[in-house]
Amino acid sequence: MNNTNQSNQVTHTVAGTDIEAVKRENEQSGMSYNEAKEFLARTSGGHGTSVYSDTNIEAVKKKNQTKQKE
């Protein structure tokens, strides 16, 4: 078997799927699973979403303490 004409880059799977075509289609398919999770956490709140929060916790605590003194 002559391997000199084969490139080191794989362009198709064993089943014949064009890997680059799949990548292009994926780029145009919308949000990824993790992007969708982040979007839902930011827009709907919910349990366990603090990792996506941009709320300044210390500022909220300070504001709450000020309100309690009034």
PDB file of N, CA and C in Angstrom:
ATOM      1  N   MET A   1       0.851  -1.180   0.000  1.00  0.00           N
ATOM      2  CA  MET A   1       0.000   0.000   0.000  1.00  0.00           C
ATOM      3  C   MET A   1       0.890   1.234   0.000  1.00  0.00           C
ATOM      4  N   ASN A   2       0.581   2.182  -0.839  1.00  0.00           N
ATOM      5  CA  ASN A   2       1.367   3.393  -0.962  1.00  0.00           C
ATOM      6  C   ASN A   2       0.702   4.501  -0.151  1.00  0.00           C
ATOM      7  N   ASN A   3       1.358   4.989   0.916  1.00  0.00           N
ATOM      8  CA  ASN A   3       0.802   6.001   1.799  1.00  0.00           C
ATOM      9  C   ASN A   3       1.288   7.404   1.472  1.00  0.00           C
ATOM     10  N   THR A   4       2.053   7.581   0.399  1.00  0.00           N
ATOM     11  CA  THR A   4       2.610   8.896   0.108  1.00  0.00           C
ATOM     12  C   THR A   4       1.554   9.892  -0.336  1.00  0.00           C
ATOM     13  N   ASN A   5       0.427   9.446  -0.871  1.00  0.00           N
ATOM     14  CA  ASN A   5      -0.625  10.349  -1.333  1.00  0.00           C
ATOM     15  C   ASN A   5      -1.621  10.709  -0.237  1.00  0.00           C
ATOM     16  N   GLN A   6      -1.533  10.049   0.909  1.00  0.00           N
ATOM     17  CA  GLN A   6      -2.472  10.311   1.999  1.00  0.00           C
ATOM     18  C   GLN A   6      -1.946  11.437   2.870  1.00  0.00           C
ATOM     19  N   SER A   7      -2.807  12.371   3.228  1.00  0.00           N
ATOM     20  CA  SER A   7      -2.409  13.436   4.145  1.00  0.00           C
ATOM     21  C   SER A   7      -2.606  12.955   5.564  1.00  0.00           C
ATOM     22  N   ASN A   8      -1.960  13.645   6.488  1.00  0.00           N
ATOM     23  CA  ASN A   8      -2.086  13.293   7.900  1.00  0.00           C
ATOM     24  C   ASN A   8      -3.415  13.758   8.475  1.00  0.00           C
ATOM     25  N   GLN A   9      -4.109  14.662   7.797  1.00  0.00           N
ATOM     26  CA  GLN A   9      -5.373  15.198   8.285  1.00  0.00           C
ATOM     27  C   GLN A   9      -6.523  14.324   7.808  1.00  0.00           C
ATOM     28  N   VAL A  10      -7.335  13.882   8.750  1.00  0.00           N
ATOM     29  CA  VAL A  10      -8.497  13.061   8.421  1.00  0.00           C
ATOM     30  C   VAL A  10      -9.641  13.988   8.027  1.00  0.00           C
ATOM     31  N   THR A  11     -10.238  13.764   6.865  1.00  0.00           N
ATOM     32  CA  THR A  11     -11.325  14.614   6.397  1.00  0.00           C
ATOM     33  C   THR A  11     -12.670  13.901   6.384  1.00  0.00           C
ATOM     34  N   HIS A  12     -12.647  12.567   6.471  1.00  0.00           N
ATOM     35  CA  HIS A  12     -13.880  11.789   6.462  1.00  0.00           C
ATOM     36  C   HIS A  12     -13.802  10.692   7.525  1.00  0.00           C
ATOM     37  N   THR A  13     -14.943  10.357   8.087  1.00  0.00           N
ATOM     38  CA  THR A  13     -14.994   9.243   9.037  1.00  0.00           C
ATOM     39  C   THR A  13     -14.936   7.933   8.268  1.00  0.00           C
ATOM     40  N   VAL A  14     -14.820   6.845   8.991  1.00  0.00           N
ATOM     41  CA  VAL A  14     -14.811   5.513   8.374  1.00  0.00           C
ATOM     42  C   VAL A  14     -16.099   5.288   7.593  1.00  0.00           C
ATOM     43  N   ALA A  15     -17.197   5.859   8.075  1.00  0.00           N
ATOM     44  CA  ALA A  15     -18.490   5.690   7.410  1.00  0.00           C
ATOM     45  C   ALA A  15     -18.652   6.613   6.206  1.00  0.00           C
ATOM     46  N   GLY A  16     -17.674   7.517   5.988  1.00  0.00           N
ATOM     47  CA  GLY A  16     -17.732   8.398   4.828  1.00  0.00           C
ATOM     48  C   GLY A  16     -18.268   9.783   5.111  1.00  0.00           C
ATOM     49  N   THR A  17     -18.529  10.120   6.350  1.00  0.00           N
ATOM     50  CA  THR A  17     -19.052  11.442   6.700  1.00  0.00           C
ATOM     51  C   THR A  17     -17.964  12.490   6.541  1.00  0.00           C
ATOM     52  N   ASP A  18     -18.284  13.590   5.878  1.00  0.00           N
ATOM     53  CA  ASP A  18     -17.348  14.699   5.699  1.00  0.00           C
ATOM     54  C   ASP A  18     -17.295  15.497   7.004  1.00  0.00           C
ATOM     55  N   ILE A  19     -16.184  15.414   7.704  1.00  0.00           N
ATOM     56  CA  ILE A  19     -16.039  16.037   9.027  1.00  0.00           C
ATOM     57  C   ILE A  19     -16.175  17.551   8.938  1.00  0.00           C
ATOM     58  N   GLU A  20     -15.571  18.172   7.946  1.00  0.00           N
ATOM     59  CA  GLU A  20     -15.630  19.629   7.811  1.00  0.00           C
ATOM     60  C   GLU A  20     -17.056  20.099   7.515  1.00  0.00           C
ATOM     61  N   ALA A  21     -17.808  19.334   6.743  1.00  0.00           N
ATOM     62  CA  ALA A  21     -19.200  19.700   6.459  1.00  0.00           C
ATOM     63  C   ALA A  21     -20.033  19.660   7.734  1.00  0.00           C
ATOM     64  N   VAL A  22     -19.794  18.665   8.577  1.00  0.00           N
ATOM     65  CA  VAL A  22     -20.525  18.563   9.840  1.00  0.00           C
ATOM     66  C   VAL A  22     -20.179  19.744  10.729  1.00  0.00           C
ATOM     67  N   LYS A  23     -18.912  20.126  10.784  1.00  0.00           N
ATOM     68  CA  LYS A  23     -18.495  21.278  11.596  1.00  0.00           C
ATOM     69  C   LYS A  23     -19.171  22.558  11.109  1.00  0.00           C
ATOM     70  N   ARG A  24     -19.245  22.731   9.792  1.00  0.00           N
ATOM     71  CA  ARG A  24     -19.905  23.930   9.244  1.00  0.00           C
ATOM     72  C   ARG A  24     -21.387  23.951   9.613  1.00  0.00           C
ATOM     73  N   GLU A  25     -22.043  22.823   9.512  1.00  0.00           N
ATOM     74  CA  GLU A  25     -23.467  22.749   9.858  1.00  0.00           C
ATOM     75  C   GLU A  25     -23.685  23.019  11.340  1.00  0.00           C
ATOM     76  N   ASN A  26     -22.805  22.512  12.185  1.00  0.00           N
ATOM     77  CA  ASN A  26     -22.920  22.745  13.622  1.00  0.00           C
ATOM     78  C   ASN A  26     -22.784  24.221  13.961  1.00  0.00           C
ATOM     79  N   GLU A  27     -21.899  24.927  13.265  1.00  0.00           N
ATOM     80  CA  GLU A  27     -21.711  26.358  13.524  1.00  0.00           C
ATOM     81  C   GLU A  27     -22.975  27.153  13.239  1.00  0.00           C
ATOM     82  N   GLN A  28     -23.790  26.669  12.327  1.00  0.00           N
ATOM     83  CA  GLN A  28     -24.997  27.385  11.924  1.00  0.00           C
ATOM     84  C   GLN A  28     -26.257  26.883  12.627  1.00  0.00           C
ATOM     85  N   SER A  29     -26.109  25.963  13.562  1.00  0.00           N
ATOM     86  CA  SER A  29     -27.283  25.319  14.143  1.00  0.00           C
ATOM     87  C   SER A  29     -27.853  26.023  15.370  1.00  0.00           C
ATOM     88  N   GLY A  30     -27.256  27.093  15.829  1.00  0.00           N
ATOM     89  CA  GLY A  30     -27.785  27.798  16.987  1.00  0.00           C
ATOM     90  C   GLY A  30     -26.913  27.608  18.209  1.00  0.00           C
ATOM     91  N   MET A  31     -27.513  27.751  19.373  1.00  0.00           N
ATOM     92  CA  MET A  31     -26.773  27.679  20.627  1.00  0.00           C
ATOM     93  C   MET A  31     -26.324  26.255  20.937  1.00  0.00           C
ATOM     94  N   SER A  32     -25.180  26.181  21.597  1.00  0.00           N
ATOM     95  CA  SER A  32     -24.723  24.885  22.096  1.00  0.00           C
ATOM     96  C   SER A  32     -25.507  24.556  23.362  1.00  0.00           C
ATOM     97  N   TYR A  33     -25.354  23.363  23.851  1.00  0.00           N
ATOM     98  CA  TYR A  33     -26.032  22.949  25.071  1.00  0.00           C
ATOM     99  C   TYR A  33     -25.654  23.871  26.229  1.00  0.00           C
ATOM    100  N   ASN A  34     -24.357  24.141  26.394  1.00  0.00           N
ATOM    101  CA  ASN A  34     -23.915  24.999  27.498  1.00  0.00           C
ATOM    102  C   ASN A  34     -24.363  26.447  27.311  1.00  0.00           C
ATOM    103  N   GLU A  35     -24.388  26.934  26.077  1.00  0.00           N
ATOM    104  CA  GLU A  35     -24.889  28.282  25.821  1.00  0.00           C
ATOM    105  C   GLU A  35     -26.372  28.375  26.168  1.00  0.00           C
ATOM    106  N   ALA A  36     -27.131  27.343  25.850  1.00  0.00           N
ATOM    107  CA  ALA A  36     -28.557  27.332  26.175  1.00  0.00           C
ATOM    108  C   ALA A  36     -28.768  27.306  27.687  1.00  0.00           C
ATOM    109  N   LYS A  37     -27.968  26.511  28.403  1.00  0.00           N
ATOM    110  CA  LYS A  37     -28.072  26.477  29.869  1.00  0.00           C
ATOM    111  C   LYS A  37     -27.780  27.854  30.456  1.00  0.00           C
ATOM    112  N   GLU A  38     -26.734  28.505  29.967  1.00  0.00           N
ATOM    113  CA  GLU A  38     -26.388  29.828  30.480  1.00  0.00           C
ATOM    114  C   GLU A  38     -27.490  30.835  30.182  1.00  0.00           C
ATOM    115  N   PHE A  39     -28.041  30.797  28.979  1.00  0.00           N
ATOM    116  CA  PHE A  39     -29.126  31.708  28.607  1.00  0.00           C
ATOM    117  C   PHE A  39     -30.324  31.533  29.531  1.00  0.00           C
ATOM    118  N   LEU A  40     -30.716  30.285  29.765  1.00  0.00           N
ATOM    119  CA  LEU A  40     -31.854  30.024  30.642  1.00  0.00           C
ATOM    120  C   LEU A  40     -31.574  30.491  32.065  1.00  0.00           C
ATOM    121  N   ALA A  41     -30.361  30.271  32.549  1.00  0.00           N
ATOM    122  CA  ALA A  41     -30.017  30.694  33.905  1.00  0.00           C
ATOM    123  C   ALA A  41     -30.060  32.212  34.034  1.00  0.00           C
ATOM    124  N   ARG A  42     -29.558  32.904  33.026  1.00  0.00           N
ATOM    125  CA  ARG A  42     -29.531  34.369  33.079  1.00  0.00           C
ATOM    126  C   ARG A  42     -30.922  34.980  32.937  1.00  0.00           C
ATOM    127  N   THR A  43     -31.796  34.344  32.186  1.00  0.00           N
ATOM    128  CA  THR A  43     -33.083  34.964  31.892  1.00  0.00           C
ATOM    129  C   THR A  43     -34.216  34.489  32.780  1.00  0.00           C
ATOM    130  N   SER A  44     -34.076  33.342  33.431  1.00  0.00           N
ATOM    131  CA  SER A  44     -35.191  32.840  34.226  1.00  0.00           C
ATOM    132  C   SER A  44     -34.846  32.625  35.692  1.00  0.00           C
ATOM    133  N   GLY A  45     -33.598  32.806  36.061  1.00  0.00           N
ATOM    134  CA  GLY A  45     -33.213  32.546  37.448  1.00  0.00           C
ATOM    135  C   GLY A  45     -33.300  31.069  37.728  1.00  0.00           C
ATOM    136  N   GLY A  46     -33.402  30.717  38.977  1.00  0.00           N
ATOM    137  CA  GLY A  46     -33.563  29.307  39.286  1.00  0.00           C
ATOM    138  C   GLY A  46     -32.497  28.784  40.225  1.00  0.00           C
ATOM    139  N   HIS A  47     -32.638  27.554  40.638  1.00  0.00           N
ATOM    140  CA  HIS A  47     -31.752  26.902  41.588  1.00  0.00           C
ATOM    141  C   HIS A  47     -30.432  26.513  40.922  1.00  0.00           C
ATOM    142  N   GLY A  48     -29.314  26.804  41.588  1.00  0.00           N
ATOM    143  CA  GLY A  48     -28.010  26.390  41.094  1.00  0.00           C
ATOM    144  C   GLY A  48     -27.499  27.187  39.913  1.00  0.00           C
ATOM    145  N   THR A  49     -27.968  28.431  39.753  1.00  0.00           N
ATOM    146  CA  THR A  49     -27.538  29.231  38.607  1.00  0.00           C
ATOM    147  C   THR A  49     -26.551  30.321  39.001  1.00  0.00           C
ATOM    148  N   SER A  50     -26.052  30.300  40.220  1.00  0.00           N
ATOM    149  CA  SER A  50     -25.157  31.363  40.680  1.00  0.00           C
ATOM    150  C   SER A  50     -23.883  31.456  39.861  1.00  0.00           C
ATOM    151  N   VAL A  51     -23.448  30.371  39.272  1.00  0.00           N
ATOM    152  CA  VAL A  51     -22.236  30.401  38.451  1.00  0.00           C
ATOM    153  C   VAL A  51     -22.411  31.330  37.245  1.00  0.00           C
ATOM    154  N   TYR A  52     -23.634  31.557  36.818  1.00  0.00           N
ATOM    155  CA  TYR A  52     -23.904  32.416  35.664  1.00  0.00           C
ATOM    156  C   TYR A  52     -24.279  33.839  36.071  1.00  0.00           C
ATOM    157  N   SER A  53     -24.356  34.097  37.361  1.00  0.00           N
ATOM    158  CA  SER A  53     -24.813  35.387  37.844  1.00  0.00           C
ATOM    159  C   SER A  53     -23.721  36.445  37.730  1.00  0.00           C
ATOM    160  N   ASP A  54     -24.116  37.661  37.359  1.00  0.00           N
ATOM    161  CA  ASP A  54     -23.172  38.776  37.350  1.00  0.00           C
ATOM    162  C   ASP A  54     -23.520  39.769  38.470  1.00  0.00           C
ATOM    163  N   THR A  55     -24.295  39.309  39.449  1.00  0.00           N
ATOM    164  CA  THR A  55     -24.685  40.130  40.582  1.00  0.00           C
ATOM    165  C   THR A  55     -23.517  40.286  41.545  1.00  0.00           C
ATOM    166  N   ASN A  56     -23.292  41.515  42.008  1.00  0.00           N
ATOM    167  CA  ASN A  56     -22.259  41.784  42.998  1.00  0.00           C
ATOM    168  C   ASN A  56     -22.860  41.491  44.377  1.00  0.00           C
ATOM    169  N   ILE A  57     -22.505  40.363  44.944  1.00  0.00           N
ATOM    170  CA  ILE A  57     -23.101  39.892  46.196  1.00  0.00           C
ATOM    171  C   ILE A  57     -22.844  40.881  47.336  1.00  0.00           C
ATOM    172  N   GLU A  58     -21.634  41.406  47.408  1.00  0.00           N
ATOM    173  CA  GLU A  58     -21.293  42.352  48.482  1.00  0.00           C
ATOM    174  C   GLU A  58     -22.124  43.626  48.379  1.00  0.00           C
ATOM    175  N   ALA A  59     -22.382  44.099  47.160  1.00  0.00           N
ATOM    176  CA  ALA A  59     -23.201  45.301  46.977  1.00  0.00           C
ATOM    177  C   ALA A  59     -24.633  45.047  47.438  1.00  0.00           C
ATOM    178  N   VAL A  60     -25.166  43.871  47.175  1.00  0.00           N
ATOM    179  CA  VAL A  60     -26.518  43.521  47.597  1.00  0.00           C
ATOM    180  C   VAL A  60     -26.579  43.441  49.124  1.00  0.00           C
ATOM    181  N   LYS A  61     -25.591  42.814  49.746  1.00  0.00           N
ATOM    182  CA  LYS A  61     -25.560  42.726  51.212  1.00  0.00           C
ATOM    183  C   LYS A  61     -25.522  44.116  51.832  1.00  0.00           C
ATOM    184  N   LYS A  62     -24.690  44.986  51.269  1.00  0.00           N
ATOM    185  CA  LYS A  62     -24.566  46.349  51.799  1.00  0.00           C
ATOM    186  C   LYS A  62     -25.889  47.106  51.650  1.00  0.00           C
ATOM    187  N   LYS A  63     -26.534  46.943  50.493  1.00  0.00           N
ATOM    188  CA  LYS A  63     -27.821  47.606  50.252  1.00  0.00           C
ATOM    189  C   LYS A  63     -28.875  47.096  51.228  1.00  0.00           C
ATOM    190  N   ASN A  64     -28.891  45.775  51.477  1.00  0.00           N
ATOM    191  CA  ASN A  64     -29.850  45.200  52.395  1.00  0.00           C
ATOM    192  C   ASN A  64     -29.621  45.692  53.828  1.00  0.00           C
ATOM    193  N   GLN A  65     -28.371  45.814  54.225  1.00  0.00           N
ATOM    194  CA  GLN A  65     -28.061  46.313  55.565  1.00  0.00           C
ATOM    195  C   GLN A  65     -28.518  47.762  55.714  1.00  0.00           C
ATOM    196  N   THR A  66     -28.324  48.564  54.678  1.00  0.00           N
ATOM    197  CA  THR A  66     -28.759  49.966  54.699  1.00  0.00           C
ATOM    198  C   THR A  66     -30.262  50.063  54.831  1.00  0.00           C
ATOM    199  N   LYS A  67     -30.997  49.215  54.130  1.00  0.00           N
ATOM    200  CA  LYS A  67     -32.464  49.227  54.192  1.00  0.00           C
ATOM    201  C   LYS A  67     -32.959  48.816  55.574  1.00  0.00           C
ATOM    202  N   GLN A  68     -32.275  47.878  56.229  1.00  0.00           N
ATOM    203  CA  GLN A  68     -32.688  47.416  57.549  1.00  0.00           C
ATOM    204  C   GLN A  68     -32.521  48.499  58.603  1.00  0.00           C
ATOM    205  N   LYS A  69     -31.546  49.380  58.419  1.00  0.00           N
ATOM    206  CA  LYS A  69     -31.288  50.460  59.373  1.00  0.00           C
ATOM    207  C   LYS A  69     -32.327  51.561  59.274  1.00  0.00           C
ATOM    208  N   GLU A  70     -33.000  51.666  58.145  1.00  0.00           N
ATOM    209  CA  GLU A  70     -33.990  52.734  57.927  1.00  0.00           C
ATOM    210  C   GLU A  70     -35.265  52.494  58.667  1.00  0.00           C
TER     211      GLU A  70
END
